Amino acid sequence: MTKNIYTGRYTTENDKDVVVFLIGMRVNNRFAIHKWGPVFTAMPGMIKELYTHKEELGFLSMESYFGLRTTVMIQYWCAQT
């Protein structure tokens, strides 16, 4: 069975006024806290900033999912021109 891994960033054509942005991280070595720790601890501050300046940034909402080694955040944004 062949697995395809597509690296990089992807976009799609969209005629709606909403943009969906997925961001996440995976912890490959739980003992390498110096690598994933700063990213993990910075996230609450970034979320607070988004909700504080929602209107001017175009931020609509977000959902977070946590697994054993992976966390994913789905963000919804208003497409601004």
PDB file of N, CA and C in Angstrom:
ATOM      1  N   MET A   1       0.843  -1.176   0.000  1.00  0.00           N
ATOM      2  CA  MET A   1       0.000   0.000   0.000  1.00  0.00           C
ATOM      3  C   MET A   1       0.890   1.241   0.000  1.00  0.00           C
ATOM      4  N   THR A   2       0.672   2.112  -0.942  1.00  0.00           N
ATOM      5  CA  THR A   2       1.454   3.337  -1.057  1.00  0.00           C
ATOM      6  C   THR A   2       0.760   4.460  -0.313  1.00  0.00           C
ATOM      7  N   LYS A   3       1.535   5.135   0.538  1.00  0.00           N
ATOM      8  CA  LYS A   3       0.999   6.300   1.245  1.00  0.00           C
ATOM      9  C   LYS A   3       1.575   7.549   0.612  1.00  0.00           C
ATOM     10  N   ASN A   4       0.715   8.491   0.309  1.00  0.00           N
ATOM     11  CA  ASN A   4       1.160   9.766  -0.240  1.00  0.00           C
ATOM     12  C   ASN A   4       1.201  10.802   0.857  1.00  0.00           C
ATOM     13  N   ILE A   5       2.330  11.440   1.003  1.00  0.00           N
ATOM     14  CA  ILE A   5       2.474  12.532   1.955  1.00  0.00           C
ATOM     15  C   ILE A   5       2.720  13.796   1.158  1.00  0.00           C
ATOM     16  N   TYR A   6       1.820  14.745   1.291  1.00  0.00           N
ATOM     17  CA  TYR A   6       1.924  16.004   0.575  1.00  0.00           C
ATOM     18  C   TYR A   6       2.418  17.080   1.533  1.00  0.00           C
ATOM     19  N   THR A   7       3.640  17.502   1.344  1.00  0.00           N
ATOM     20  CA  THR A   7       4.187  18.536   2.211  1.00  0.00           C
ATOM     21  C   THR A   7       3.916  19.907   1.605  1.00  0.00           C
ATOM     22  N   GLY A   8       3.954  20.911   2.427  1.00  0.00           N
ATOM     23  CA  GLY A   8       3.767  22.269   1.920  1.00  0.00           C
ATOM     24  C   GLY A   8       2.437  22.852   2.336  1.00  0.00           C
ATOM     25  N   ARG A   9       2.099  23.944   1.709  1.00  0.00           N
ATOM     26  CA  ARG A   9       0.860  24.662   1.992  1.00  0.00           C
ATOM     27  C   ARG A   9      -0.076  24.539   0.801  1.00  0.00           C
ATOM     28  N   TYR A  10      -1.362  24.523   1.089  1.00  0.00           N
ATOM     29  CA  TYR A  10      -2.338  24.333   0.027  1.00  0.00           C
ATOM     30  C   TYR A  10      -3.464  25.342   0.149  1.00  0.00           C
ATOM     31  N   THR A  11      -4.001  25.753  -0.959  1.00  0.00           N
ATOM     32  CA  THR A  11      -5.156  26.636  -1.003  1.00  0.00           C
ATOM     33  C   THR A  11      -6.160  26.067  -1.994  1.00  0.00           C
ATOM     34  N   THR A  12      -7.346  26.625  -1.970  1.00  0.00           N
ATOM     35  CA  THR A  12      -8.372  26.220  -2.915  1.00  0.00           C
ATOM     36  C   THR A  12      -9.162  27.445  -3.343  1.00  0.00           C
ATOM     37  N   GLU A  13      -9.791  27.362  -4.485  1.00  0.00           N
ATOM     38  CA  GLU A  13     -10.660  28.441  -4.955  1.00  0.00           C
ATOM     39  C   GLU A  13     -11.886  28.484  -4.051  1.00  0.00           C
ATOM     40  N   ASN A  14     -12.313  29.693  -3.690  1.00  0.00           N
ATOM     41  CA  ASN A  14     -13.435  29.839  -2.774  1.00  0.00           C
ATOM     42  C   ASN A  14     -14.172  31.131  -3.111  1.00  0.00           C
ATOM     43  N   ASP A  15     -15.484  31.029  -3.281  1.00  0.00           N
ATOM     44  CA  ASP A  15     -16.270  32.228  -3.572  1.00  0.00           C
ATOM     45  C   ASP A  15     -17.063  32.698  -2.344  1.00  0.00           C
ATOM     46  N   LYS A  16     -16.769  32.128  -1.192  1.00  0.00           N
ATOM     47  CA  LYS A  16     -17.425  32.516   0.058  1.00  0.00           C
ATOM     48  C   LYS A  16     -16.573  33.543   0.785  1.00  0.00           C
ATOM     49  N   ASP A  17     -17.147  34.149   1.807  1.00  0.00           N
ATOM     50  CA  ASP A  17     -16.439  35.159   2.592  1.00  0.00           C
ATOM     51  C   ASP A  17     -15.779  34.583   3.847  1.00  0.00           C
ATOM     52  N   VAL A  18     -15.593  33.255   3.885  1.00  0.00           N
ATOM     53  CA  VAL A  18     -14.999  32.607   5.048  1.00  0.00           C
ATOM     54  C   VAL A  18     -13.757  31.836   4.621  1.00  0.00           C
ATOM     55  N   VAL A  19     -12.726  31.929   5.456  1.00  0.00           N
ATOM     56  CA  VAL A  19     -11.491  31.186   5.238  1.00  0.00           C
ATOM     57  C   VAL A  19     -11.308  30.245   6.422  1.00  0.00           C
ATOM     58  N   VAL A  20     -10.954  28.996   6.150  1.00  0.00           N
ATOM     59  CA  VAL A  20     -10.688  28.019   7.200  1.00  0.00           C
ATOM     60  C   VAL A  20      -9.185  27.773   7.228  1.00  0.00           C
ATOM     61  N   PHE A  21      -8.591  27.914   8.412  1.00  0.00           N
ATOM     62  CA  PHE A  21      -7.148  27.769   8.582  1.00  0.00           C
ATOM     63  C   PHE A  21      -6.886  26.686   9.616  1.00  0.00           C
ATOM     64  N   LEU A  22      -6.095  25.682   9.251  1.00  0.00           N
ATOM     65  CA  LEU A  22      -5.745  24.610  10.178  1.00  0.00           C
ATOM     66  C   LEU A  22      -4.291  24.758  10.582  1.00  0.00           C
ATOM     67  N   ILE A  23      -4.045  24.705  11.878  1.00  0.00           N
ATOM     68  CA  ILE A  23      -2.687  24.793  12.389  1.00  0.00           C
ATOM     69  C   ILE A  23      -2.567  23.785  13.528  1.00  0.00           C
ATOM     70  N   GLY A  24      -1.415  23.157  13.608  1.00  0.00           N
ATOM     71  CA  GLY A  24      -1.246  22.166  14.658  1.00  0.00           C
ATOM     72  C   GLY A  24       0.204  21.805  14.877  1.00  0.00           C
ATOM     73  N   MET A  25       0.407  20.895  15.815  1.00  0.00           N
ATOM     74  CA  MET A  25       1.748  20.411  16.078  1.00  0.00           C
ATOM     75  C   MET A  25       1.678  18.979  16.573  1.00  0.00           C
ATOM     76  N   ARG A  26       2.774  18.277  16.383  1.00  0.00           N
ATOM     77  CA  ARG A  26       2.899  16.897  16.828  1.00  0.00           C
ATOM     78  C   ARG A  26       4.162  16.778  17.667  1.00  0.00           C
ATOM     79  N   VAL A  27       4.049  16.131  18.787  1.00  0.00           N
ATOM     80  CA  VAL A  27       5.190  15.902  19.671  1.00  0.00           C
ATOM     81  C   VAL A  27       5.774  14.535  19.324  1.00  0.00           C
ATOM     82  N   ASN A  28       6.938  14.526  18.695  1.00  0.00           N
ATOM     83  CA  ASN A  28       7.584  13.274  18.322  1.00  0.00           C
ATOM     84  C   ASN A  28       8.378  12.674  19.477  1.00  0.00           C
ATOM     85  N   ASN A  29       8.960  13.530  20.309  1.00  0.00           N
ATOM     86  CA  ASN A  29       9.744  13.063  21.449  1.00  0.00           C
ATOM     87  C   ASN A  29       9.291  13.855  22.673  1.00  0.00           C
ATOM     88  N   ARG A  30       8.546  13.207  23.548  1.00  0.00           N
ATOM     89  CA  ARG A  30       7.976  13.933  24.686  1.00  0.00           C
ATOM     90  C   ARG A  30       9.034  14.476  25.638  1.00  0.00           C
ATOM     91  N   PHE A  31      10.236  13.924  25.581  1.00  0.00           N
ATOM     92  CA  PHE A  31      11.317  14.404  26.450  1.00  0.00           C
ATOM     93  C   PHE A  31      12.044  15.618  25.879  1.00  0.00           C
ATOM     94  N   ALA A  32      11.780  15.965  24.633  1.00  0.00           N
ATOM     95  CA  ALA A  32      12.409  17.136  24.000  1.00  0.00           C
ATOM     96  C   ALA A  32      11.548  18.375  24.243  1.00  0.00           C
ATOM     97  N   ILE A  33      11.299  18.660  25.510  1.00  0.00           N
ATOM     98  CA  ILE A  33      10.428  19.779  25.880  1.00  0.00           C
ATOM     99  C   ILE A  33      10.971  21.103  25.349  1.00  0.00           C
ATOM    100  N   HIS A  34      12.282  21.220  25.237  1.00  0.00           N
ATOM    101  CA  HIS A  34      12.877  22.462  24.730  1.00  0.00           C
ATOM    102  C   HIS A  34      12.475  22.741  23.285  1.00  0.00           C
ATOM    103  N   LYS A  35      11.999  21.722  22.551  1.00  0.00           N
ATOM    104  CA  LYS A  35      11.566  21.919  21.163  1.00  0.00           C
ATOM    105  C   LYS A  35      10.083  22.246  21.066  1.00  0.00           C
ATOM    106  N   TRP A  36       9.242  21.489  21.741  1.00  0.00           N
ATOM    107  CA  TRP A  36       7.805  21.697  21.592  1.00  0.00           C
ATOM    108  C   TRP A  36       7.195  22.548  22.707  1.00  0.00           C
ATOM    109  N   GLY A  37       7.879  22.686  23.823  1.00  0.00           N
ATOM    110  CA  GLY A  37       7.360  23.459  24.947  1.00  0.00           C
ATOM    111  C   GLY A  37       7.049  24.909  24.628  1.00  0.00           C
ATOM    112  N   PRO A  38       7.987  25.659  24.006  1.00  0.00           N
ATOM    113  CA  PRO A  38       7.697  27.065  23.689  1.00  0.00           C
ATOM    114  C   PRO A  38       6.500  27.250  22.748  1.00  0.00           C
ATOM    115  N   VAL A  39       6.353  26.345  21.801  1.00  0.00           N
ATOM    116  CA  VAL A  39       5.211  26.428  20.870  1.00  0.00           C
ATOM    117  C   VAL A  39       3.916  26.189  21.627  1.00  0.00           C
ATOM    118  N   PHE A  40       3.919  25.185  22.483  1.00  0.00           N
ATOM    119  CA  PHE A  40       2.724  24.827  23.241  1.00  0.00           C
ATOM    120  C   PHE A  40       2.319  25.928  24.211  1.00  0.00           C
ATOM    121  N   THR A  41       3.289  26.548  24.880  1.00  0.00           N
ATOM    122  CA  THR A  41       2.966  27.592  25.857  1.00  0.00           C
ATOM    123  C   THR A  41       2.616  28.934  25.205  1.00  0.00           C
ATOM    124  N   ALA A  42       3.017  29.143  23.948  1.00  0.00           N
ATOM    125  CA  ALA A  42       2.693  30.396  23.258  1.00  0.00           C
ATOM    126  C   ALA A  42       1.248  30.412  22.758  1.00  0.00           C
ATOM    127  N   MET A  43       0.652  29.250  22.578  1.00  0.00           N
ATOM    128  CA  MET A  43      -0.679  29.171  21.984  1.00  0.00           C
ATOM    129  C   MET A  43      -1.764  29.891  22.783  1.00  0.00           C
ATOM    130  N   PRO A  44      -1.850  29.773  24.117  1.00  0.00           N
ATOM    131  CA  PRO A  44      -2.894  30.508  24.846  1.00  0.00           C
ATOM    132  C   PRO A  44      -2.814  32.022  24.655  1.00  0.00           C
ATOM    133  N   GLY A  45      -1.614  32.569  24.606  1.00  0.00           N
ATOM    134  CA  GLY A  45      -1.461  34.005  24.375  1.00  0.00           C
ATOM    135  C   GLY A  45      -1.950  34.420  22.998  1.00  0.00           C
ATOM    136  N   MET A  46      -1.673  33.580  22.008  1.00  0.00           N
ATOM    137  CA  MET A  46      -2.130  33.882  20.644  1.00  0.00           C
ATOM    138  C   MET A  46      -3.651  33.820  20.558  1.00  0.00           C
ATOM    139  N   ILE A  47      -4.244  32.840  21.229  1.00  0.00           N
ATOM    140  CA  ILE A  47      -5.705  32.718  21.215  1.00  0.00           C
ATOM    141  C   ILE A  47      -6.346  33.917  21.909  1.00  0.00           C
ATOM    142  N   LYS A  48      -5.780  34.328  23.035  1.00  0.00           N
ATOM    143  CA  LYS A  48      -6.298  35.495  23.752  1.00  0.00           C
ATOM    144  C   LYS A  48      -6.230  36.739  22.860  1.00  0.00           C
ATOM    145  N   GLU A  49      -5.127  36.907  22.151  1.00  0.00           N
ATOM    146  CA  GLU A  49      -4.962  38.047  21.237  1.00  0.00           C
ATOM    147  C   GLU A  49      -6.019  38.027  20.140  1.00  0.00           C
ATOM    148  N   LEU A  50      -6.300  36.861  19.585  1.00  0.00           N
ATOM    149  CA  LEU A  50      -7.318  36.750  18.537  1.00  0.00           C
ATOM    150  C   LEU A  50      -8.694  37.151  19.051  1.00  0.00           C
ATOM    151  N   TYR A  51      -9.074  36.651  20.223  1.00  0.00           N
ATOM    152  CA  TYR A  51     -10.393  36.972  20.757  1.00  0.00           C
ATOM    153  C   TYR A  51     -10.486  38.425  21.233  1.00  0.00           C
ATOM    154  N   THR A  52      -9.372  39.012  21.660  1.00  0.00           N
ATOM    155  CA  THR A  52      -9.367  40.404  22.100  1.00  0.00           C
ATOM    156  C   THR A  52      -9.571  41.357  20.925  1.00  0.00           C
ATOM    157  N   HIS A  53      -8.986  41.044  19.782  1.00  0.00           N
ATOM    158  CA  HIS A  53      -9.047  41.917  18.604  1.00  0.00           C
ATOM    159  C   HIS A  53      -9.786  41.244  17.451  1.00  0.00           C
ATOM    160  N   LYS A  54     -10.859  40.557  17.790  1.00  0.00           N
ATOM    161  CA  LYS A  54     -11.633  39.785  16.814  1.00  0.00           C
ATOM    162  C   LYS A  54     -12.076  40.605  15.601  1.00  0.00           C
ATOM    163  N   GLU A  55     -12.710  41.713  15.859  1.00  0.00           N
ATOM    164  CA  GLU A  55     -13.304  42.521  14.781  1.00  0.00           C
ATOM    165  C   GLU A  55     -12.259  43.066  13.824  1.00  0.00           C
ATOM    166  N   GLU A  56     -11.208  43.642  14.345  1.00  0.00           N
ATOM    167  CA  GLU A  56     -10.211  44.268  13.472  1.00  0.00           C
ATOM    168  C   GLU A  56      -9.360  43.250  12.720  1.00  0.00           C
ATOM    169  N   LEU A  57      -9.242  42.035  13.236  1.00  0.00           N
ATOM    170  CA  LEU A  57      -8.456  41.005  12.561  1.00  0.00           C
ATOM    171  C   LEU A  57      -9.273  40.186  11.571  1.00  0.00           C
ATOM    172  N   GLY A  58     -10.588  40.158  11.759  1.00  0.00           N
ATOM    173  CA  GLY A  58     -11.434  39.338  10.897  1.00  0.00           C
ATOM    174  C   GLY A  58     -11.584  37.914  11.406  1.00  0.00           C
ATOM    175  N   PHE A  59     -11.189  37.683  12.641  1.00  0.00           N
ATOM    176  CA  PHE A  59     -11.280  36.362  13.253  1.00  0.00           C
ATOM    177  C   PHE A  59     -12.720  36.081  13.656  1.00  0.00           C
ATOM    178  N   LEU A  60     -13.229  34.897  13.301  1.00  0.00           N
ATOM    179  CA  LEU A  60     -14.606  34.545  13.626  1.00  0.00           C
ATOM    180  C   LEU A  60     -14.702  33.588  14.809  1.00  0.00           C
ATOM    181  N   SER A  61     -13.973  32.471  14.738  1.00  0.00           N
ATOM    182  CA  SER A  61     -14.074  31.465  15.778  1.00  0.00           C
ATOM    183  C   SER A  61     -12.959  30.442  15.617  1.00  0.00           C
ATOM    184  N   MET A  62     -12.875  29.505  16.575  1.00  0.00           N
ATOM    185  CA  MET A  62     -11.894  28.431  16.487  1.00  0.00           C
ATOM    186  C   MET A  62     -12.356  27.207  17.267  1.00  0.00           C
ATOM    187  N   GLU A  63     -11.798  26.066  16.905  1.00  0.00           N
ATOM    188  CA  GLU A  63     -12.027  24.809  17.609  1.00  0.00           C
ATOM    189  C   GLU A  63     -10.665  24.160  17.813  1.00  0.00           C
ATOM    190  N   SER A  64     -10.474  23.500  18.941  1.00  0.00           N
ATOM    191  CA  SER A  64      -9.217  22.819  19.219  1.00  0.00           C
ATOM    192  C   SER A  64      -9.469  21.342  19.461  1.00  0.00           C
ATOM    193  N   TYR A  65      -8.536  20.526  18.996  1.00  0.00           N
ATOM    194  CA  TYR A  65      -8.581  19.085  19.200  1.00  0.00           C
ATOM    195  C   TYR A  65      -7.239  18.632  19.743  1.00  0.00           C
ATOM    196  N   PHE A  66      -7.273  17.805  20.783  1.00  0.00           N
ATOM    197  CA  PHE A  66      -6.058  17.315  21.410  1.00  0.00           C
ATOM    198  C   PHE A  66      -6.044  15.794  21.371  1.00  0.00           C
ATOM    199  N   GLY A  67      -4.910  15.246  20.978  1.00  0.00           N
ATOM    200  CA  GLY A  67      -4.708  13.803  21.007  1.00  0.00           C
ATOM    201  C   GLY A  67      -3.548  13.488  21.926  1.00  0.00           C
ATOM    202  N   LEU A  68      -3.035  12.279  21.859  1.00  0.00           N
ATOM    203  CA  LEU A  68      -1.905  11.898  22.699  1.00  0.00           C
ATOM    204  C   LEU A  68      -0.645  12.687  22.361  1.00  0.00           C
ATOM    205  N   ARG A  69      -0.351  12.827  21.067  1.00  0.00           N
ATOM    206  CA  ARG A  69       0.867  13.529  20.652  1.00  0.00           C
ATOM    207  C   ARG A  69       0.597  14.671  19.691  1.00  0.00           C
ATOM    208  N   THR A  70      -0.645  14.890  19.375  1.00  0.00           N
ATOM    209  CA  THR A  70      -0.985  15.873  18.346  1.00  0.00           C
ATOM    210  C   THR A  70      -2.048  16.838  18.854  1.00  0.00           C
ATOM    211  N   THR A  71      -1.924  18.087  18.479  1.00  0.00           N
ATOM    212  CA  THR A  71      -2.962  19.071  18.738  1.00  0.00           C
ATOM    213  C   THR A  71      -3.228  19.824  17.432  1.00  0.00           C
ATOM    214  N   VAL A  72      -4.495  20.084  17.166  1.00  0.00           N
ATOM    215  CA  VAL A  72      -4.895  20.782  15.939  1.00  0.00           C
ATOM    216  C   VAL A  72      -5.884  21.874  16.305  1.00  0.00           C
ATOM    217  N   MET A  73      -5.712  23.029  15.693  1.00  0.00           N
ATOM    218  CA  MET A  73      -6.640  24.136  15.876  1.00  0.00           C
ATOM    219  C   MET A  73      -7.221  24.490  14.513  1.00  0.00           C
ATOM    220  N   ILE A  74      -8.542  24.557  14.451  1.00  0.00           N
ATOM    221  CA  ILE A  74      -9.235  24.969  13.237  1.00  0.00           C
ATOM    222  C   ILE A  74      -9.759  26.369  13.489  1.00  0.00           C
ATOM    223  N   GLN A  75      -9.324  27.306  12.651  1.00  0.00           N
ATOM    224  CA  GLN A  75      -9.725  28.706  12.815  1.00  0.00           C
ATOM    225  C   GLN A  75     -10.591  29.124  11.632  1.00  0.00           C
ATOM    226  N   TYR A  76     -11.589  29.946  11.915  1.00  0.00           N
ATOM    227  CA  TYR A  76     -12.492  30.482  10.899  1.00  0.00           C
ATOM    228  C   TYR A  76     -12.282  31.987  10.831  1.00  0.00           C
ATOM    229  N   TRP A  77     -12.024  32.475   9.639  1.00  0.00           N
ATOM    230  CA  TRP A  77     -11.719  33.898   9.413  1.00  0.00           C
ATOM    231  C   TRP A  77     -12.649  34.471   8.365  1.00  0.00           C
ATOM    232  N   CYS A  78     -12.941  35.738   8.488  1.00  0.00           N
ATOM    233  CA  CYS A  78     -13.696  36.473   7.487  1.00  0.00           C
ATOM    234  C   CYS A  78     -12.702  36.933   6.427  1.00  0.00           C
ATOM    235  N   ALA A  79     -12.985  36.601   5.190  1.00  0.00           N
ATOM    236  CA  ALA A  79     -12.089  37.008   4.101  1.00  0.00           C
ATOM    237  C   ALA A  79     -12.222  38.506   3.884  1.00  0.00           C
ATOM    238  N   GLN A  80     -11.128  39.232   4.082  1.00  0.00           N
ATOM    239  CA  GLN A  80     -11.131  40.675   3.922  1.00  0.00           C
ATOM    240  C   GLN A  80     -10.445  41.032   2.617  1.00  0.00           C
ATOM    241  N   THR A  81     -10.978  42.029   1.939  1.00  0.00           N
ATOM    242  CA  THR A  81     -10.362  42.474   0.680  1.00  0.00           C
ATOM    243  C   THR A  81      -9.700  43.810   0.856  1.00  0.00           C
TER     244      THR A  81
END
